[in-house]
Amino acid sequence: MTDPLRVLILDDDFRVGQLHQGIVDEHPGFTVTDTVRSLAEARDSFRSSRPDLLLADVFLPDGDGIALVRESGLDAILISAADDAPTVRRALRSGAVGYLRKPFERRALSGLLDRYVRYRNLLAGDRALRQEDVDRALAILHGAGEPVSLSRSATEQLVLAALGDGEASAAEVGERVGISRATAQRHLAALAARTVVEVRLRYGATGRPEHRYAART
C-alpha cells in the first residue's frame, strides 16, 4: 500500500488548526502528523515527523510563516487572512504550492489537496520529464482547464492520478492510492461508464483475461 502523504498543520488558533485537520483527515492519501501553534513547535515537529506538506498561517506569535516555508524547503499551502498583493507574492516566491485566504469554504482546501496529490504523482520518481509533463503538472496544481473534475469525488481524482499516462489493473491502482482493490474497481468501473477511462484486456497464458484501465486523452 502506498504510504500516505504526511501533513503538518501550523495555526496559532487551536480551533482553526483542528478544522484544517478535519478537512485533511477526510482525504485518502493524507495523514496529519501534528497540529502546532508556533514556529518553534513546527521546527521541533519537522525533526520528529518529517512531513511532506505544510499547512501554515502567515502571521504567528513568534514570527512569519512564509519565512518558515522558505527555510524548511517543504511543499506548503499558506492559509491567511492577509489579502494584500505583496504578501501573496512573497508567499509564492517562498515556494508555496498554494495560497488560501481566510475564511474559505471547505471545498477550497479539499480541492487543493486533491490537485496536490495528482501533481505529486505526476512528478514522482526519478524519470526524465517531457515539457508536456511539467505543463500538465502545473495546470493540475493550479486548477487550470479542469471544470469536469469539480463533479468527481476526491477518490476518483486520486484514482485518475494513479493511472497517469499509462495503464494499470484495479489492484495496482488500489495499492498506489491506498484503497482496497474492490474500492478501486468500483471507481474505475464508474469512470469507464462515463468514458473517462477505457478498459483493455490483457490475455495471459492461462485463466481469465486481466482488466487494465487507462485514462482517455
Foldseek 3Di string as FASTA:
>chain_A
DDAAAEEEEEAQDVVVQVVVQVLQVVAFRYDYPYYYYAPVVVVVCCVVPVGQEYEYEADGPVHGPLVSLLVVVHAYEYEYQDDDPVVVVSSVVSPHLYYHHPPDDSVVVNQLVLLVLLLCLLPDDDDDDDPVSVVVSNCSNVVHPPPVCVPDDSVLSLLQSQQPQHKAALCSSCVNRVHHSVVSVVSQVVCVVVVQKPWDWADDPDDDTTIMIHGDD
